[in-house]
Amino acid sequence: MNNSLDFSGKVALVTGAAAGMGLATARAFAKASAAVVLADFKEEAVKGEAHNLIAAGHKAIALRCDVSDDVQVAAMVDRTIAEFGRLDAAFNNAGVMARIAPTAESTREEWDRVIGINLRGVWSCMKHELRFMERQGSGAIVNNASVGALTGNPGIGSYIASKHGVVGLTRTAALEYIQRGVRVNAVSPGLIDTQIARDVVSGDEQAYADIAKSVPIGRAGKPEEIASVVLWLCSPGASYVVGHALTVDGGMTIAP
């Protein structure tokens, strides 16, 4: 039986690849023999990570990209195709946390920042990825949503709204492109051990530790655990999974 997580000859694009879930996923794709494009607005960080992958014998390039800028997103996808000739898998992961404030005290600038990256950025990435994948006749896209797409959460309204939007956008694009050979899904992580998770509690390590203990599984998730789900969703093993937002949260959303 063939290994469905063998991405030999395939090309994967990961945004927000400088750290956390994005970096873990880029490394996982490389380990699975894909050529990998690591994109992030933190250019030096992704350059260093791409260098490490190349030194380990993998194919990789690093690109600077602010996903809220449609011109930069278009250039990112164009450079991917120019470098590797195809695009088989994309993890649209780049995202930011909202600055904590009740809805009536939040600002238009903060709304635009969060929606611009978390939602419009996903739309922009999908738009350019889908255009090529449709011509290619194949591909798989995974968007990073959140358990915040399933609930409300006081103080981070723009973040919650953006993640609800990602799921709706995922489902719509999935219906539009499945008969053109492209599958679109999302992953909805719970508490994952990343900087963005700590930003929710303003860097309070004790508060973070308390939240982690409250997860039914008893801990925060690891970025690598999200990476393994993303690779599966992009693999032939998930060939009948279309328009699904897969919750990976250690039991958070089913706890009483």
Protein backbone atom coordinates (compact mmCIF):
# COMPACT_ATOMS: atom_id res chain seq x y z
CA MET A 1 0.00 0.00 0.00
CA ASN A 2 1.38 3.42 -0.94
CA ASN A 3 2.15 5.92 1.81
CA SER A 4 -0.48 8.65 1.39
CA LEU A 5 1.80 11.09 3.23
CA ASP A 6 4.57 10.77 0.66
CA PHE A 7 4.71 14.11 -1.15
CA SER A 8 7.59 13.23 -3.47
CA GLY A 9 7.45 15.39 -6.58
CA LYS A 10 4.89 17.71 -4.98
CA VAL A 11 5.15 21.37 -4.00
CA ALA A 12 3.72 22.83 -0.80
CA LEU A 13 3.24 26.50 0.11
CA VAL A 14 2.94 27.54 3.77
CA THR A 15 2.18 31.08 4.96
CA GLY A 16 3.01 32.22 8.46
CA ALA A 17 5.93 29.81 8.22
CA ALA A 18 8.39 31.63 10.49
CA ALA A 19 7.21 29.90 13.67
CA GLY A 20 4.52 27.84 15.34
CA MET A 21 2.08 25.78 13.30
CA GLY A 22 3.33 27.18 10.00
CA LEU A 23 6.94 26.24 10.63
CA ALA A 24 5.99 22.81 11.96
CA THR A 25 3.92 22.19 8.83
CA ALA A 26 6.65 23.38 6.47
CA ARG A 27 9.09 21.02 8.17
CA ALA A 28 6.57 18.17 7.98
CA PHE A 29 6.03 18.70 4.25
CA ALA A 30 9.78 18.73 3.71
CA LYS A 31 10.18 15.52 5.72
CA ALA A 32 7.47 14.00 3.51
CA SER A 33 9.66 14.85 0.47
CA ALA A 34 7.77 17.89 -0.83
CA ALA A 35 9.50 20.99 -2.13
CA VAL A 36 8.44 23.71 0.29
CA VAL A 37 7.86 27.45 0.02
CA LEU A 38 8.05 29.15 3.41
CA ALA A 39 6.33 32.53 3.35
CA ASP A 40 6.09 35.11 6.12
CA PHE A 41 6.45 38.85 6.60
CA LYS A 42 9.39 37.98 8.89
CA GLU A 43 11.77 37.52 5.98
CA GLU A 44 14.97 36.78 7.87
CA ALA A 45 13.28 34.13 10.00
CA VAL A 46 11.95 32.15 7.02
CA LYS A 47 15.24 32.54 5.18
CA GLY A 48 16.98 30.91 8.13
CA GLU A 49 14.47 28.08 8.29
CA ALA A 50 14.67 27.47 4.54
CA HIS A 51 18.45 27.37 4.80
CA ASN A 52 18.17 24.72 7.52
CA LEU A 53 15.88 22.60 5.36
CA ILE A 54 18.18 22.88 2.35
CA ALA A 55 21.16 21.95 4.51
CA ALA A 56 19.26 18.84 5.57
CA GLY A 57 18.82 17.83 1.92
CA HIS A 58 15.35 19.22 1.24
CA LYS A 59 14.10 21.58 -1.47
CA ALA A 60 12.92 24.88 -0.06
CA ILE A 61 12.73 28.62 -0.69
CA ALA A 62 11.79 31.50 1.58
CA LEU A 63 9.62 34.42 0.51
CA ARG A 64 8.63 37.60 2.27
CA CYS A 65 4.86 38.07 2.11
CA ASP A 66 2.36 40.21 3.96
CA VAL A 67 -0.85 38.32 3.17
CA SER A 68 -2.96 41.45 3.66
CA ASP A 69 -1.31 42.84 0.49
CA ASP A 70 -2.84 41.23 -2.60
CA VAL A 71 0.12 42.25 -4.77
CA GLN A 72 2.55 40.44 -2.47
CA VAL A 73 0.31 37.36 -2.39
CA ALA A 74 0.14 37.23 -6.18
CA ALA A 75 3.92 37.55 -6.35
CA MET A 76 4.31 34.76 -3.78
CA VAL A 77 2.28 32.30 -5.84
CA ASP A 78 3.93 33.39 -9.09
CA ARG A 79 7.39 32.88 -7.57
CA THR A 80 6.34 29.43 -6.33
CA ILE A 81 5.34 28.39 -9.84
CA ALA A 82 8.42 29.97 -11.40
CA GLU A 83 10.69 28.12 -8.97
CA PHE A 84 9.05 24.69 -8.88
CA GLY A 85 6.62 24.59 -11.81
CA ARG A 86 3.56 23.48 -9.85
CA LEU A 87 1.59 23.89 -6.63
CA ASP A 88 0.00 20.86 -5.01
CA ALA A 89 -0.70 21.84 -1.41
CA ALA A 90 -1.18 25.12 0.42
CA PHE A 91 -1.57 25.83 4.12
CA ASN A 92 -2.96 29.35 4.53
CA ASN A 93 -1.87 29.76 8.10
CA ALA A 94 -0.77 33.38 8.58
CA GLY A 95 -2.78 35.06 11.31
CA VAL A 96 -2.74 37.46 14.22
CA MET A 97 -4.55 37.74 17.54
CA ALA A 98 -6.74 40.72 18.30
CA ARG A 99 -5.76 43.15 21.03
CA ILE A 100 -8.13 42.48 23.88
CA ALA A 101 -10.97 44.98 24.18
CA PRO A 102 -14.77 44.77 24.48
CA THR A 103 -16.56 45.36 21.19
CA ALA A 104 -17.65 48.91 22.00
CA GLU A 105 -14.08 49.83 22.94
CA SER A 106 -12.36 48.25 19.94
CA THR A 107 -11.11 50.41 17.09
CA ARG A 108 -11.58 50.48 13.34
CA GLU A 109 -7.80 50.24 12.92
CA GLU A 110 -7.67 47.06 14.98
CA TRP A 111 -10.64 45.58 13.10
CA ASP A 112 -8.98 46.31 9.76
CA ARG A 113 -5.66 44.82 10.93
CA VAL A 114 -7.14 41.53 12.12
CA ILE A 115 -9.64 41.07 9.31
CA GLY A 116 -7.04 42.13 6.75
CA ILE A 117 -4.64 39.38 7.76
CA ASN A 118 -6.88 36.60 9.10
CA LEU A 119 -9.74 36.75 6.61
CA ARG A 120 -8.89 38.89 3.61
CA GLY A 121 -5.42 37.33 3.64
CA VAL A 122 -6.90 33.83 3.40
CA TRP A 123 -9.21 34.97 0.60
CA SER A 124 -6.30 36.51 -1.28
CA CYS A 125 -4.10 33.44 -0.90
CA MET A 126 -6.90 31.12 -2.00
CA LYS A 127 -7.73 33.33 -4.97
CA HIS A 128 -4.24 33.07 -6.42
CA GLU A 129 -3.67 29.45 -5.41
CA LEU A 130 -6.98 28.36 -6.89
CA ARG A 131 -6.32 30.08 -10.20
CA PHE A 132 -3.22 27.98 -10.73
CA MET A 133 -4.56 24.75 -9.22
CA GLU A 134 -7.62 24.97 -11.47
CA ARG A 135 -5.39 25.20 -14.54
CA GLN A 136 -3.27 22.36 -13.19
CA GLY A 137 -6.39 20.28 -12.54
CA SER A 138 -5.38 19.27 -9.04
CA GLY A 139 -4.46 20.58 -5.60
CA ALA A 140 -5.44 20.77 -1.96
CA ILE A 141 -5.79 23.83 0.23
CA VAL A 142 -6.09 23.93 4.00
CA ASN A 143 -7.01 27.19 5.74
CA ASN A 144 -6.20 27.74 9.39
CA ALA A 145 -9.40 28.58 11.24
CA SER A 146 -9.75 28.08 15.01
CA VAL A 147 -12.10 26.74 17.65
CA GLY A 148 -12.92 30.45 17.77
CA ALA A 149 -14.91 29.78 14.61
CA LEU A 150 -17.29 27.68 16.72
CA THR A 151 -17.86 29.96 19.70
CA GLY A 152 -17.69 33.52 20.97
CA ASN A 153 -14.91 34.82 23.18
CA PRO A 154 -15.17 38.12 25.08
CA GLY A 155 -12.65 40.78 24.13
CA ILE A 156 -11.46 39.44 20.76
CA GLY A 157 -14.45 40.06 18.52
CA SER A 158 -12.46 40.80 15.37
CA TYR A 159 -10.47 37.56 15.75
CA ILE A 160 -13.63 35.50 16.31
CA ALA A 161 -15.35 37.15 13.35
CA SER A 162 -12.34 36.51 11.13
CA LYS A 163 -12.23 32.81 11.97
CA HIS A 164 -15.98 32.35 11.44
CA GLY A 165 -15.39 33.98 8.06
CA VAL A 166 -12.54 31.60 7.21
CA VAL A 167 -14.82 28.59 7.70
CA GLY A 168 -17.56 30.10 5.53
CA LEU A 169 -15.06 30.99 2.83
CA THR A 170 -13.58 27.49 2.98
CA ARG A 171 -16.96 25.83 2.51
CA THR A 172 -17.89 28.10 -0.39
CA ALA A 173 -14.62 27.63 -2.26
CA ALA A 174 -14.81 23.88 -1.64
CA LEU A 175 -18.13 23.70 -3.49
CA GLU A 176 -16.88 25.91 -6.30
CA TYR A 177 -13.70 23.97 -7.04
CA ILE A 178 -14.18 20.32 -6.13
CA GLN A 179 -15.31 19.42 -9.65
CA ARG A 180 -12.25 21.19 -10.99
CA GLY A 181 -9.91 18.86 -9.12
CA VAL A 182 -9.16 21.02 -6.09
CA ARG A 183 -10.11 20.19 -2.51
CA VAL A 184 -10.46 22.97 0.08
CA ASN A 185 -10.69 22.30 3.81
CA ALA A 186 -9.83 23.97 7.09
CA VAL A 187 -8.29 22.99 10.38
CA SER A 188 -9.63 24.47 13.63
CA PRO A 189 -6.96 24.24 16.33
CA GLY A 190 -7.71 24.66 20.00
CA LEU A 191 -5.04 25.77 22.45
CA ILE A 192 -1.72 25.16 20.72
CA ASP A 193 1.67 25.95 22.25
CA THR A 194 2.47 29.04 20.18
CA GLN A 195 3.10 32.72 20.79
CA ILE A 196 -0.36 33.66 19.54
CA ALA A 197 -1.88 31.49 22.29
CA ARG A 198 0.11 33.38 24.89
CA ASP A 199 -1.00 36.68 23.38
CA VAL A 200 -4.58 35.85 24.43
CA VAL A 201 -3.49 36.10 28.07
CA SER A 202 -1.03 38.96 27.41
CA GLY A 203 1.96 36.73 28.06
CA ASP A 204 0.83 35.69 31.56
CA GLU A 205 2.52 32.28 31.84
CA GLN A 206 0.53 31.22 34.88
CA ALA A 207 -2.75 32.06 33.19
CA TYR A 208 -1.57 30.16 30.12
CA ALA A 209 -0.61 27.14 32.23
CA ASP A 210 -4.01 27.18 33.95
CA ILE A 211 -5.83 27.23 30.61
CA ALA A 212 -3.67 24.39 29.33
CA LYS A 213 -4.54 22.28 32.38
CA SER A 214 -8.24 22.90 31.78
CA VAL A 215 -8.15 21.28 28.34
CA PRO A 216 -9.72 17.80 28.71
CA ILE A 217 -6.57 16.12 27.41
CA GLY A 218 -4.65 17.97 30.13
CA ARG A 219 -2.26 20.05 28.03
CA ALA A 220 -1.85 22.41 25.13
CA GLY A 221 -1.43 20.90 21.70
CA LYS A 222 1.88 20.86 19.86
CA PRO A 223 2.34 22.63 16.52
CA GLU A 224 3.45 19.30 15.09
CA GLU A 225 0.06 17.82 15.93
CA ILE A 226 -1.60 20.40 13.71
CA ALA A 227 1.00 19.82 11.00
CA SER A 228 0.14 16.12 10.85
CA VAL A 229 -3.53 16.96 10.33
CA VAL A 230 -2.73 19.47 7.58
CA LEU A 231 -0.61 16.94 5.72
CA TRP A 232 -3.36 14.35 5.95
CA LEU A 233 -5.96 16.80 4.64
CA CYS A 234 -3.66 17.52 1.68
CA SER A 235 -2.98 13.83 1.03
CA PRO A 236 -4.76 11.19 -1.06
CA GLY A 237 -5.88 9.66 2.23
CA ALA A 238 -8.32 12.56 2.59
CA SER A 239 -9.55 12.41 -1.00
CA TYR A 240 -13.23 12.36 0.04
CA VAL A 241 -12.92 15.18 2.59
CA VAL A 242 -14.32 18.36 1.09
CA GLY A 243 -15.24 21.67 2.74
CA HIS A 244 -14.66 20.35 6.25
CA ALA A 245 -13.34 22.34 9.21
CA LEU A 246 -11.56 19.69 11.25
CA THR A 247 -11.48 20.52 14.96
CA VAL A 248 -8.21 19.58 16.68
CA ASP A 249 -8.55 20.78 20.24
CA GLY A 250 -7.89 18.07 22.81
CA GLY A 251 -11.59 17.98 23.65
CA MET A 252 -12.12 21.68 24.40
CA THR A 253 -15.29 22.14 22.43
CA ILE A 254 -17.02 19.01 23.72
CA ALA A 255 -16.28 19.63 27.40
CA PRO A 256 -19.24 20.55 29.62
